[in-house]
Amino acid sequence: MNALFVIAPYKYEGLWVFDDPAVGLSKEPFIAGIDTMIDKVVADIPRAERGFRAIFSARPFPGSQFKLEWRREDSGGNWYYSDQFEIEGWLCPALSRYFPSAPQEIYVKVEPKK
């Protein structure tokens, strides 16, 4: 199992979504607060709506910029809290495509697509 995962979210029909054919996902949306977090983390990335790179892991890694802390399970997904932005966001059941169970913490780094 990978320790680091990479996705490239982009805007589609006004929503942040991502594709990951390796795990069978296409235009998987971020909603319920995670979309708001994304708006904040990409504010300094030019043309982020066309796509940016997000690297994430259940463990801290060099260069990670953001941390999400698990709060509770709900509707098949999981709520995470960002201390940096003081908001919660819901990650849908697609999280299970990357982790066997919801991690207590998720570390994230965002950067422009190259």
PDB file of N, CA and C in Angstrom:
ATOM      1  N   MET A   1       0.834  -1.187   0.000  1.00  0.00           N
ATOM      2  CA  MET A   1       0.000   0.000   0.000  1.00  0.00           C
ATOM      3  C   MET A   1       0.883   1.258   0.000  1.00  0.00           C
ATOM      4  N   ASN A   2       0.508   2.231  -0.781  1.00  0.00           N
ATOM      5  CA  ASN A   2       1.257   3.485  -0.853  1.00  0.00           C
ATOM      6  C   ASN A   2       1.159   4.244   0.462  1.00  0.00           C
ATOM      7  N   ALA A   3       2.216   4.974   0.785  1.00  0.00           N
ATOM      8  CA  ALA A   3       2.188   5.862   1.937  1.00  0.00           C
ATOM      9  C   ALA A   3       1.760   7.264   1.511  1.00  0.00           C
ATOM     10  N   LEU A   4       2.067   7.627   0.246  1.00  0.00           N
ATOM     11  CA  LEU A   4       1.677   8.917  -0.309  1.00  0.00           C
ATOM     12  C   LEU A   4       0.774   8.685  -1.509  1.00  0.00           C
ATOM     13  N   PHE A   5      -0.241   9.520  -1.619  1.00  0.00           N
ATOM     14  CA  PHE A   5      -1.155   9.451  -2.751  1.00  0.00           C
ATOM     15  C   PHE A   5      -1.169  10.801  -3.439  1.00  0.00           C
ATOM     16  N   VAL A   6      -1.446  10.796  -4.743  1.00  0.00           N
ATOM     17  CA  VAL A   6      -1.486  12.037  -5.516  1.00  0.00           C
ATOM     18  C   VAL A   6      -2.762  12.067  -6.339  1.00  0.00           C
ATOM     19  N   ILE A   7      -3.472  13.181  -6.252  1.00  0.00           N
ATOM     20  CA  ILE A   7      -4.642  13.419  -7.104  1.00  0.00           C
ATOM     21  C   ILE A   7      -4.491  14.820  -7.693  1.00  0.00           C
ATOM     22  N   ALA A   8      -5.274  15.115  -8.718  1.00  0.00           N
ATOM     23  CA  ALA A   8      -5.218  16.424  -9.364  1.00  0.00           C
ATOM     24  C   ALA A   8      -6.627  17.014  -9.463  1.00  0.00           C
ATOM     25  N   PRO A   9      -7.120  17.594  -8.363  1.00  0.00           N
ATOM     26  CA  PRO A   9      -8.457  18.205  -8.390  1.00  0.00           C
ATOM     27  C   PRO A   9      -8.545  19.361  -9.381  1.00  0.00           C
ATOM     28  N   TYR A  10      -9.761  19.583  -9.868  1.00  0.00           N
ATOM     29  CA  TYR A  10     -10.053  20.664 -10.796  1.00  0.00           C
ATOM     30  C   TYR A  10     -11.535  21.009 -10.652  1.00  0.00           C
ATOM     31  N   LYS A  11     -11.931  22.137 -11.236  1.00  0.00           N
ATOM     32  CA  LYS A  11     -13.335  22.555 -11.167  1.00  0.00           C
ATOM     33  C   LYS A  11     -14.107  21.979 -12.353  1.00  0.00           C
ATOM     34  N   TYR A  12     -15.282  21.430 -12.058  1.00  0.00           N
ATOM     35  CA  TYR A  12     -16.182  20.903 -13.085  1.00  0.00           C
ATOM     36  C   TYR A  12     -17.605  21.228 -12.643  1.00  0.00           C
ATOM     37  N   GLU A  13     -18.343  21.928 -13.506  1.00  0.00           N
ATOM     38  CA  GLU A  13     -19.716  22.313 -13.184  1.00  0.00           C
ATOM     39  C   GLU A  13     -19.785  23.063 -11.847  1.00  0.00           C
ATOM     40  N   GLY A  14     -18.736  23.849 -11.560  1.00  0.00           N
ATOM     41  CA  GLY A  14     -18.708  24.659 -10.348  1.00  0.00           C
ATOM     42  C   GLY A  14     -18.272  23.923  -9.089  1.00  0.00           C
ATOM     43  N   LEU A  15     -17.937  22.651  -9.206  1.00  0.00           N
ATOM     44  CA  LEU A  15     -17.505  21.851  -8.053  1.00  0.00           C
ATOM     45  C   LEU A  15     -16.046  21.441  -8.193  1.00  0.00           C
ATOM     46  N   TRP A  16     -15.367  21.302  -7.066  1.00  0.00           N
ATOM     47  CA  TRP A  16     -14.042  20.687  -7.074  1.00  0.00           C
ATOM     48  C   TRP A  16     -14.240  19.186  -7.205  1.00  0.00           C
ATOM     49  N   VAL A  17     -13.581  18.581  -8.178  1.00  0.00           N
ATOM     50  CA  VAL A  17     -13.677  17.141  -8.425  1.00  0.00           C
ATOM     51  C   VAL A  17     -12.276  16.609  -8.733  1.00  0.00           C
ATOM     52  N   PHE A  18     -12.165  15.279  -8.769  1.00  0.00           N
ATOM     53  CA  PHE A  18     -10.911  14.676  -9.217  1.00  0.00           C
ATOM     54  C   PHE A  18     -11.198  13.345  -9.885  1.00  0.00           C
ATOM     55  N   ASP A  19     -10.273  12.941 -10.726  1.00  0.00           N
ATOM     56  CA  ASP A  19     -10.325  11.641 -11.400  1.00  0.00           C
ATOM     57  C   ASP A  19      -9.160  10.800 -10.886  1.00  0.00           C
ATOM     58  N   ASP A  20      -9.411   9.537 -10.686  1.00  0.00           N
ATOM     59  CA  ASP A  20      -8.318   8.617 -10.360  1.00  0.00           C
ATOM     60  C   ASP A  20      -8.680   7.252 -10.926  1.00  0.00           C
ATOM     61  N   PRO A  21      -8.380   7.040 -12.209  1.00  0.00           N
ATOM     62  CA  PRO A  21      -8.723   5.773 -12.851  1.00  0.00           C
ATOM     63  C   PRO A  21      -8.127   4.557 -12.139  1.00  0.00           C
ATOM     64  N   ALA A  22      -7.006   4.728 -11.447  1.00  0.00           N
ATOM     65  CA  ALA A  22      -6.370   3.609 -10.748  1.00  0.00           C
ATOM     66  C   ALA A  22      -7.263   3.023  -9.659  1.00  0.00           C
ATOM     67  N   VAL A  23      -8.162   3.850  -9.115  1.00  0.00           N
ATOM     68  CA  VAL A  23      -9.078   3.353  -8.082  1.00  0.00           C
ATOM     69  C   VAL A  23     -10.545   3.441  -8.515  1.00  0.00           C
ATOM     70  N   GLY A  24     -10.756   3.700  -9.822  1.00  0.00           N
ATOM     71  CA  GLY A  24     -12.105   3.687 -10.377  1.00  0.00           C
ATOM     72  C   GLY A  24     -12.944   4.925 -10.103  1.00  0.00           C
ATOM     73  N   LEU A  25     -12.315   6.081  -9.974  1.00  0.00           N
ATOM     74  CA  LEU A  25     -13.068   7.313  -9.700  1.00  0.00           C
ATOM     75  C   LEU A  25     -12.976   8.283 -10.874  1.00  0.00           C
ATOM     76  N   SER A  26     -14.113   8.900 -11.184  1.00  0.00           N
ATOM     77  CA  SER A  26     -14.177   9.901 -12.234  1.00  0.00           C
ATOM     78  C   SER A  26     -15.091  11.037 -11.784  1.00  0.00           C
ATOM     79  N   LYS A  27     -14.570  12.244 -11.845  1.00  0.00           N
ATOM     80  CA  LYS A  27     -15.301  13.439 -11.422  1.00  0.00           C
ATOM     81  C   LYS A  27     -15.903  13.266 -10.022  1.00  0.00           C
ATOM     82  N   GLU A  28     -15.112  12.707  -9.130  1.00  0.00           N
ATOM     83  CA  GLU A  28     -15.535  12.515  -7.730  1.00  0.00           C
ATOM     84  C   GLU A  28     -15.531  13.878  -7.047  1.00  0.00           C
ATOM     85  N   PRO A  29     -16.682  14.344  -6.544  1.00  0.00           N
ATOM     86  CA  PRO A  29     -16.746  15.704  -5.999  1.00  0.00           C
ATOM     87  C   PRO A  29     -16.302  15.814  -4.540  1.00  0.00           C
ATOM     88  N   PHE A  30     -15.785  16.980  -4.220  1.00  0.00           N
ATOM     89  CA  PHE A  30     -15.526  17.386  -2.843  1.00  0.00           C
ATOM     90  C   PHE A  30     -16.669  18.316  -2.445  1.00  0.00           C
ATOM     91  N   ILE A  31     -17.334  18.016  -1.339  1.00  0.00           N
ATOM     92  CA  ILE A  31     -18.477  18.815  -0.898  1.00  0.00           C
ATOM     93  C   ILE A  31     -18.409  19.025   0.616  1.00  0.00           C
ATOM     94  N   ALA A  32     -19.414  19.654   1.151  1.00  0.00           N
ATOM     95  CA  ALA A  32     -19.655  19.757   2.598  1.00  0.00           C
ATOM     96  C   ALA A  32     -18.442  20.239   3.391  1.00  0.00           C
ATOM     97  N   GLY A  33     -17.884  21.355   2.974  1.00  0.00           N
ATOM     98  CA  GLY A  33     -16.788  21.958   3.719  1.00  0.00           C
ATOM     99  C   GLY A  33     -15.412  21.685   3.145  1.00  0.00           C
ATOM    100  N   ILE A  34     -15.205  20.498   2.565  1.00  0.00           N
ATOM    101  CA  ILE A  34     -13.907  20.215   1.954  1.00  0.00           C
ATOM    102  C   ILE A  34     -13.699  21.152   0.763  1.00  0.00           C
ATOM    103  N   ASP A  35     -14.778  21.452   0.038  1.00  0.00           N
ATOM    104  CA  ASP A  35     -14.685  22.389  -1.082  1.00  0.00           C
ATOM    105  C   ASP A  35     -14.229  23.775  -0.610  1.00  0.00           C
ATOM    106  N   THR A  36     -14.723  24.197   0.536  1.00  0.00           N
ATOM    107  CA  THR A  36     -14.321  25.487   1.099  1.00  0.00           C
ATOM    108  C   THR A  36     -12.851  25.465   1.498  1.00  0.00           C
ATOM    109  N   MET A  37     -12.409  24.348   2.089  1.00  0.00           N
ATOM    110  CA  MET A  37     -10.992  24.220   2.437  1.00  0.00           C
ATOM    111  C   MET A  37     -10.125  24.311   1.188  1.00  0.00           C
ATOM    112  N   ILE A  38     -10.553  23.639   0.121  1.00  0.00           N
ATOM    113  CA  ILE A  38      -9.780  23.679  -1.125  1.00  0.00           C
ATOM    114  C   ILE A  38      -9.680  25.106  -1.643  1.00  0.00           C
ATOM    115  N   ASP A  39     -10.799  25.834  -1.623  1.00  0.00           N
ATOM    116  CA  ASP A  39     -10.753  27.240  -2.056  1.00  0.00           C
ATOM    117  C   ASP A  39      -9.664  28.005  -1.316  1.00  0.00           C
ATOM    118  N   LYS A  40      -9.537  27.751  -0.025  1.00  0.00           N
ATOM    119  CA  LYS A  40      -8.548  28.470   0.787  1.00  0.00           C
ATOM    120  C   LYS A  40      -7.117  28.019   0.481  1.00  0.00           C
ATOM    121  N   VAL A  41      -6.897  26.719   0.331  1.00  0.00           N
ATOM    122  CA  VAL A  41      -5.523  26.232   0.152  1.00  0.00           C
ATOM    123  C   VAL A  41      -4.966  26.530  -1.232  1.00  0.00           C
ATOM    124  N   VAL A  42      -5.829  26.752  -2.218  1.00  0.00           N
ATOM    125  CA  VAL A  42      -5.335  27.019  -3.573  1.00  0.00           C
ATOM    126  C   VAL A  42      -5.392  28.500  -3.939  1.00  0.00           C
ATOM    127  N   ALA A  43      -5.698  29.341  -2.982  1.00  0.00           N
ATOM    128  CA  ALA A  43      -5.862  30.772  -3.263  1.00  0.00           C
ATOM    129  C   ALA A  43      -4.643  31.375  -3.961  1.00  0.00           C
ATOM    130  N   ASP A  44      -3.451  30.849  -3.686  1.00  0.00           N
ATOM    131  CA  ASP A  44      -2.237  31.397  -4.293  1.00  0.00           C
ATOM    132  C   ASP A  44      -1.725  30.577  -5.476  1.00  0.00           C
ATOM    133  N   ILE A  45      -2.490  29.608  -5.919  1.00  0.00           N
ATOM    134  CA  ILE A  45      -2.078  28.792  -7.068  1.00  0.00           C
ATOM    135  C   ILE A  45      -2.776  29.333  -8.319  1.00  0.00           C
ATOM    136  N   PRO A  46      -2.022  29.889  -9.257  1.00  0.00           N
ATOM    137  CA  PRO A  46      -2.642  30.424 -10.479  1.00  0.00           C
ATOM    138  C   PRO A  46      -3.426  29.345 -11.233  1.00  0.00           C
ATOM    139  N   ARG A  47      -4.603  29.704 -11.673  1.00  0.00           N
ATOM    140  CA  ARG A  47      -5.470  28.836 -12.480  1.00  0.00           C
ATOM    141  C   ARG A  47      -5.708  27.470 -11.831  1.00  0.00           C
ATOM    142  N   ALA A  48      -5.812  27.448 -10.513  1.00  0.00           N
ATOM    143  CA  ALA A  48      -6.029  26.189  -9.787  1.00  0.00           C
ATOM    144  C   ALA A  48      -7.286  25.482 -10.268  1.00  0.00           C
ATOM    145  N   GLU A  49      -8.279  26.250 -10.715  1.00  0.00           N
ATOM    146  CA  GLU A  49      -9.520  25.641 -11.193  1.00  0.00           C
ATOM    147  C   GLU A  49      -9.294  24.713 -12.387  1.00  0.00           C
ATOM    148  N   ARG A  50      -8.185  24.899 -13.093  1.00  0.00           N
ATOM    149  CA  ARG A  50      -7.841  24.021 -14.220  1.00  0.00           C
ATOM    150  C   ARG A  50      -7.120  22.761 -13.755  1.00  0.00           C
ATOM    151  N   GLY A  51      -6.775  22.743 -12.481  1.00  0.00           N
ATOM    152  CA  GLY A  51      -6.117  21.574 -11.908  1.00  0.00           C
ATOM    153  C   GLY A  51      -4.889  21.939 -11.100  1.00  0.00           C
ATOM    154  N   PHE A  52      -4.734  21.270  -9.999  1.00  0.00           N
ATOM    155  CA  PHE A  52      -3.555  21.404  -9.161  1.00  0.00           C
ATOM    156  C   PHE A  52      -3.247  20.022  -8.599  1.00  0.00           C
ATOM    157  N   ARG A  53      -2.075  19.883  -8.047  1.00  0.00           N
ATOM    158  CA  ARG A  53      -1.684  18.589  -7.504  1.00  0.00           C
ATOM    159  C   ARG A  53      -1.859  18.603  -5.986  1.00  0.00           C
ATOM    160  N   ALA A  54      -2.478  17.547  -5.465  1.00  0.00           N
ATOM    161  CA  ALA A  54      -2.629  17.361  -4.015  1.00  0.00           C
ATOM    162  C   ALA A  54      -1.986  16.035  -3.638  1.00  0.00           C
ATOM    163  N   ILE A  55      -1.015  16.108  -2.762  1.00  0.00           N
ATOM    164  CA  ILE A  55      -0.338  14.926  -2.248  1.00  0.00           C
ATOM    165  C   ILE A  55      -0.846  14.738  -0.827  1.00  0.00           C
ATOM    166  N   PHE A  56      -1.244  13.516  -0.469  1.00  0.00           N
ATOM    167  CA  PHE A  56      -1.793  13.303   0.872  1.00  0.00           C
ATOM    168  C   PHE A  56      -1.368  11.966   1.441  1.00  0.00           C
ATOM    169  N   SER A  57      -1.387  11.919   2.770  1.00  0.00           N
ATOM    170  CA  SER A  57      -0.941  10.736   3.498  1.00  0.00           C
ATOM    171  C   SER A  57      -1.560  10.724   4.893  1.00  0.00           C
ATOM    172  N   ALA A  58      -1.604   9.549   5.491  1.00  0.00           N
ATOM    173  CA  ALA A  58      -2.052   9.436   6.878  1.00  0.00           C
ATOM    174  C   ALA A  58      -0.916   9.744   7.854  1.00  0.00           C
ATOM    175  N   ARG A  59       0.277   9.972   7.322  1.00  0.00           N
ATOM    176  CA  ARG A  59       1.451  10.280   8.150  1.00  0.00           C
ATOM    177  C   ARG A  59       2.056  11.608   7.708  1.00  0.00           C
ATOM    178  N   PRO A  60       2.659  12.330   8.645  1.00  0.00           N
ATOM    179  CA  PRO A  60       3.347  13.562   8.251  1.00  0.00           C
ATOM    180  C   PRO A  60       4.445  13.243   7.236  1.00  0.00           C
ATOM    181  N   PHE A  61       4.672  14.148   6.303  1.00  0.00           N
ATOM    182  CA  PHE A  61       5.749  13.975   5.328  1.00  0.00           C
ATOM    183  C   PHE A  61       6.380  15.332   5.038  1.00  0.00           C
ATOM    184  N   PRO A  62       7.625  15.343   4.587  1.00  0.00           N
ATOM    185  CA  PRO A  62       8.307  16.613   4.312  1.00  0.00           C
ATOM    186  C   PRO A  62       7.523  17.449   3.303  1.00  0.00           C
ATOM    187  N   GLY A  63       7.278  18.691   3.653  1.00  0.00           N
ATOM    188  CA  GLY A  63       6.563  19.590   2.762  1.00  0.00           C
ATOM    189  C   GLY A  63       5.061  19.633   2.965  1.00  0.00           C
ATOM    190  N   SER A  64       4.518  18.751   3.791  1.00  0.00           N
ATOM    191  CA  SER A  64       3.062  18.809   4.001  1.00  0.00           C
ATOM    192  C   SER A  64       2.723  20.151   4.637  1.00  0.00           C
ATOM    193  N   GLN A  65       1.591  20.707   4.185  1.00  0.00           N
ATOM    194  CA  GLN A  65       1.217  22.060   4.594  1.00  0.00           C
ATOM    195  C   GLN A  65      -0.019  22.099   5.486  1.00  0.00           C
ATOM    196  N   PHE A  66      -0.861  21.093   5.373  1.00  0.00           N
ATOM    197  CA  PHE A  66      -2.146  21.111   6.060  1.00  0.00           C
ATOM    198  C   PHE A  66      -2.409  19.776   6.739  1.00  0.00           C
ATOM    199  N   LYS A  67      -3.143  19.835   7.846  1.00  0.00           N
ATOM    200  CA  LYS A  67      -3.505  18.618   8.553  1.00  0.00           C
ATOM    201  C   LYS A  67      -5.000  18.615   8.808  1.00  0.00           C
ATOM    202  N   LEU A  68      -5.630  17.489   8.528  1.00  0.00           N
ATOM    203  CA  LEU A  68      -7.046  17.281   8.839  1.00  0.00           C
ATOM    204  C   LEU A  68      -7.120  16.262   9.967  1.00  0.00           C
ATOM    205  N   GLU A  69      -7.941  16.539  10.963  1.00  0.00           N
ATOM    206  CA  GLU A  69      -8.095  15.651  12.108  1.00  0.00           C
ATOM    207  C   GLU A  69      -9.482  15.009  12.079  1.00  0.00           C
ATOM    208  N   TRP A  70      -9.522  13.684  12.204  1.00  0.00           N
ATOM    209  CA  TRP A  70     -10.783  12.943  12.181  1.00  0.00           C
ATOM    210  C   TRP A  70     -11.668  13.358  13.349  1.00  0.00           C
ATOM    211  N   ARG A  71     -12.956  13.516  13.069  1.00  0.00           N
ATOM    212  CA  ARG A  71     -13.920  13.872  14.110  1.00  0.00           C
ATOM    213  C   ARG A  71     -14.963  12.773  14.336  1.00  0.00           C
ATOM    214  N   ARG A  72     -15.589  12.303  13.213  1.00  0.00           N
ATOM    215  CA  ARG A  72     -16.665  11.324  13.379  1.00  0.00           C
ATOM    216  C   ARG A  72     -17.061  10.753  12.026  1.00  0.00           C
ATOM    217  N   GLU A  73     -17.705   9.607  12.071  1.00  0.00           N
ATOM    218  CA  GLU A  73     -18.254   8.979  10.870  1.00  0.00           C
ATOM    219  C   GLU A  73     -19.683   9.480  10.684  1.00  0.00           C
ATOM    220  N   ASP A  74     -20.097   9.607   9.425  1.00  0.00           N
ATOM    221  CA  ASP A  74     -21.459  10.069   9.147  1.00  0.00           C
ATOM    222  C   ASP A  74     -21.798   9.768   7.687  1.00  0.00           C
ATOM    223  N   SER A  75     -22.942   9.184   7.462  1.00  0.00           N
ATOM    224  CA  SER A  75     -23.463   8.944   6.113  1.00  0.00           C
ATOM    225  C   SER A  75     -22.472   8.192   5.221  1.00  0.00           C
ATOM    226  N   GLY A  76     -21.757   7.242   5.797  1.00  0.00           N
ATOM    227  CA  GLY A  76     -20.806   6.449   5.036  1.00  0.00           C
ATOM    228  C   GLY A  76     -19.461   7.103   4.831  1.00  0.00           C
ATOM    229  N   GLY A  77     -19.352   8.376   5.178  1.00  0.00           N
ATOM    230  CA  GLY A  77     -18.098   9.106   5.052  1.00  0.00           C
ATOM    231  C   GLY A  77     -17.584   9.518   6.416  1.00  0.00           C
ATOM    232  N   ASN A  78     -16.666  10.460   6.417  1.00  0.00           N
ATOM    233  CA  ASN A  78     -16.050  10.895   7.663  1.00  0.00           C
ATOM    234  C   ASN A  78     -15.841  12.405   7.679  1.00  0.00           C
ATOM    235  N   TRP A  79     -16.093  12.992   8.842  1.00  0.00           N
ATOM    236  CA  TRP A  79     -15.873  14.414   9.047  1.00  0.00           C
ATOM    237  C   TRP A  79     -14.466  14.641   9.584  1.00  0.00           C
ATOM    238  N   TYR A  80     -13.792  15.625   8.998  1.00  0.00           N
ATOM    239  CA  TYR A  80     -12.455  16.013   9.420  1.00  0.00           C
ATOM    240  C   TYR A  80     -12.456  17.502   9.742  1.00  0.00           C
ATOM    241  N   TYR A  81     -11.600  17.883  10.680  1.00  0.00           N
ATOM    242  CA  TYR A  81     -11.486  19.269  11.112  1.00  0.00           C
ATOM    243  C   TYR A  81     -10.124  19.836  10.724  1.00  0.00           C
ATOM    244  N   SER A  82     -10.134  21.056  10.221  1.00  0.00           N
ATOM    245  CA  SER A  82      -8.900  21.779   9.925  1.00  0.00           C
ATOM    246  C   SER A  82      -8.718  22.858  10.979  1.00  0.00           C
ATOM    247  N   ASP A  83      -7.706  22.701  11.800  1.00  0.00           N
ATOM    248  CA  ASP A  83      -7.390  23.698  12.818  1.00  0.00           C
ATOM    249  C   ASP A  83      -6.956  25.011  12.165  1.00  0.00           C
ATOM    250  N   GLN A  84      -6.249  24.912  11.030  1.00  0.00           N
ATOM    251  CA  GLN A  84      -5.767  26.107  10.343  1.00  0.00           C
ATOM    252  C   GLN A  84      -6.909  26.986   9.848  1.00  0.00           C
ATOM    253  N   PHE A  85      -7.994  26.359   9.397  1.00  0.00           N
ATOM    254  CA  PHE A  85      -9.119  27.122   8.845  1.00  0.00           C
ATOM    255  C   PHE A  85     -10.325  27.148   9.772  1.00  0.00           C
ATOM    256  N   GLU A  86     -10.252  26.389  10.860  1.00  0.00           N
ATOM    257  CA  GLU A  86     -11.316  26.324  11.856  1.00  0.00           C
ATOM    258  C   GLU A  86     -12.660  25.944  11.246  1.00  0.00           C
ATOM    259  N   ILE A  87     -12.612  24.932  10.359  1.00  0.00           N
ATOM    260  CA  ILE A  87     -13.845  24.408   9.770  1.00  0.00           C
ATOM    261  C   ILE A  87     -13.755  22.888   9.636  1.00  0.00           C
ATOM    262  N   GLU A  88     -14.919  22.278   9.544  1.00  0.00           N
ATOM    263  CA  GLU A  88     -15.011  20.842   9.302  1.00  0.00           C
ATOM    264  C   GLU A  88     -15.366  20.600   7.846  1.00  0.00           C
ATOM    265  N   GLY A  89     -14.999  19.440   7.370  1.00  0.00           N
ATOM    266  CA  GLY A  89     -15.362  19.031   6.022  1.00  0.00           C
ATOM    267  C   GLY A  89     -15.588  17.527   5.990  1.00  0.00           C
ATOM    268  N   TRP A  90     -16.459  17.102   5.104  1.00  0.00           N
ATOM    269  CA  TRP A  90     -16.832  15.692   4.995  1.00  0.00           C
ATOM    270  C   TRP A  90     -16.134  15.055   3.808  1.00  0.00           C
ATOM    271  N   LEU A  91     -15.460  13.947   4.053  1.00  0.00           N
ATOM    272  CA  LEU A  91     -14.854  13.158   2.982  1.00  0.00           C
ATOM    273  C   LEU A  91     -15.733  11.932   2.768  1.00  0.00           C
ATOM    274  N   CYS A  92     -16.145  11.733   1.534  1.00  0.00           N
ATOM    275  CA  CYS A  92     -17.102  10.681   1.196  1.00  0.00           C
ATOM    276  C   CYS A  92     -16.473   9.292   1.280  1.00  0.00           C
ATOM    277  N   PRO A  93     -17.280   8.249   1.069  1.00  0.00           N
ATOM    278  CA  PRO A  93     -16.773   6.878   1.147  1.00  0.00           C
ATOM    279  C   PRO A  93     -15.630   6.563   0.177  1.00  0.00           C
ATOM    280  N   ALA A  94     -15.380   7.415  -0.801  1.00  0.00           N
ATOM    281  CA  ALA A  94     -14.247   7.196  -1.711  1.00  0.00           C
ATOM    282  C   ALA A  94     -12.923   7.185  -0.953  1.00  0.00           C
ATOM    283  N   LEU A  95     -12.901   7.726   0.259  1.00  0.00           N
ATOM    284  CA  LEU A  95     -11.700   7.699   1.086  1.00  0.00           C
ATOM    285  C   LEU A  95     -11.204   6.258   1.277  1.00  0.00           C
ATOM    286  N   SER A  96     -12.139   5.321   1.289  1.00  0.00           N
ATOM    287  CA  SER A  96     -11.771   3.907   1.488  1.00  0.00           C
ATOM    288  C   SER A  96     -10.996   3.335   0.300  1.00  0.00           C
ATOM    289  N   ARG A  97     -10.961   4.043  -0.826  1.00  0.00           N
ATOM    290  CA  ARG A  97     -10.150   3.600  -1.965  1.00  0.00           C
ATOM    291  C   ARG A  97      -8.663   3.820  -1.692  1.00  0.00           C
ATOM    292  N   TYR A  98      -8.372   4.656  -0.697  1.00  0.00           N
ATOM    293  CA  TYR A  98      -6.993   4.988  -0.367  1.00  0.00           C
ATOM    294  C   TYR A  98      -6.535   4.432   0.987  1.00  0.00           C
ATOM    295  N   PHE A  99      -7.456   4.319   1.914  1.00  0.00           N
ATOM    296  CA  PHE A  99      -7.122   3.853   3.255  1.00  0.00           C
ATOM    297  C   PHE A  99      -8.096   2.752   3.675  1.00  0.00           C
ATOM    298  N   PRO A 100      -7.607   1.687   4.328  1.00  0.00           N
ATOM    299  CA  PRO A 100      -8.502   0.604   4.750  1.00  0.00           C
ATOM    300  C   PRO A 100      -9.526   1.062   5.789  1.00  0.00           C
ATOM    301  N   SER A 101      -9.176   2.054   6.586  1.00  0.00           N
ATOM    302  CA  SER A 101     -10.117   2.684   7.519  1.00  0.00           C
ATOM    303  C   SER A 101      -9.754   4.164   7.586  1.00  0.00           C
ATOM    304  N   ALA A 102     -10.704   4.972   8.004  1.00  0.00           N
ATOM    305  CA  ALA A 102     -10.473   6.419   8.044  1.00  0.00           C
ATOM    306  C   ALA A 102      -9.304   6.741   8.979  1.00  0.00           C
ATOM    307  N   PRO A 103      -8.264   7.384   8.461  1.00  0.00           N
ATOM    308  CA  PRO A 103      -7.124   7.718   9.322  1.00  0.00           C
ATOM    309  C   PRO A 103      -7.490   8.807  10.333  1.00  0.00           C
ATOM    310  N   GLN A 104      -6.811   8.800  11.452  1.00  0.00           N
ATOM    311  CA  GLN A 104      -7.027   9.822  12.480  1.00  0.00           C
ATOM    312  C   GLN A 104      -6.581  11.204  12.003  1.00  0.00           C
ATOM    313  N   GLU A 105      -5.575  11.221  11.147  1.00  0.00           N
ATOM    314  CA  GLU A 105      -5.082  12.473  10.594  1.00  0.00           C
ATOM    315  C   GLU A 105      -4.755  12.266   9.118  1.00  0.00           C
ATOM    316  N   ILE A 106      -4.959  13.314   8.339  1.00  0.00           N
ATOM    317  CA  ILE A 106      -4.561  13.305   6.928  1.00  0.00           C
ATOM    318  C   ILE A 106      -3.713  14.557   6.706  1.00  0.00           C
ATOM    319  N   TYR A 107      -2.527  14.350   6.167  1.00  0.00           N
ATOM    320  CA  TYR A 107      -1.599  15.438   5.877  1.00  0.00           C
ATOM    321  C   TYR A 107      -1.624  15.695   4.377  1.00  0.00           C
ATOM    322  N   VAL A 108      -1.597  16.984   4.014  1.00  0.00           N
ATOM    323  CA  VAL A 108      -1.779  17.360   2.609  1.00  0.00           C
ATOM    324  C   VAL A 108      -0.761  18.420   2.200  1.00  0.00           C
ATOM    325  N   LYS A 109      -0.312  18.286   0.954  1.00  0.00           N
ATOM    326  CA  LYS A 109       0.496  19.326   0.319  1.00  0.00           C
ATOM    327  C   LYS A 109      -0.168  19.644  -1.010  1.00  0.00           C
ATOM    328  N   VAL A 110      -0.340  20.920  -1.320  1.00  0.00           N
ATOM    329  CA  VAL A 110      -0.892  21.316  -2.610  1.00  0.00           C
ATOM    330  C   VAL A 110       0.153  22.114  -3.379  1.00  0.00           C
ATOM    331  N   GLU A 111       0.143  21.956  -4.688  1.00  0.00           N
ATOM    332  CA  GLU A 111       1.086  22.674  -5.535  1.00  0.00           C
ATOM    333  C   GLU A 111       0.533  22.747  -6.954  1.00  0.00           C
ATOM    334  N   PRO A 112       1.053  23.677  -7.735  1.00  0.00           N
ATOM    335  CA  PRO A 112       0.599  23.769  -9.129  1.00  0.00           C
ATOM    336  C   PRO A 112       0.927  22.478  -9.879  1.00  0.00           C
ATOM    337  N   LYS A 113       0.078  22.158 -10.865  1.00  0.00           N
ATOM    338  CA  LYS A 113       0.409  21.046 -11.763  1.00  0.00           C
ATOM    339  C   LYS A 113       1.558  21.490 -12.642  1.00  0.00           C
ATOM    340  N   LYS A 114       2.426  20.571 -12.928  1.00  0.00           N
ATOM    341  CA  LYS A 114       3.566  20.913 -13.765  1.00  0.00           C
ATOM    342  C   LYS A 114       3.331  20.480 -15.184  1.00  0.00           C
TER     343      LYS A 114
END
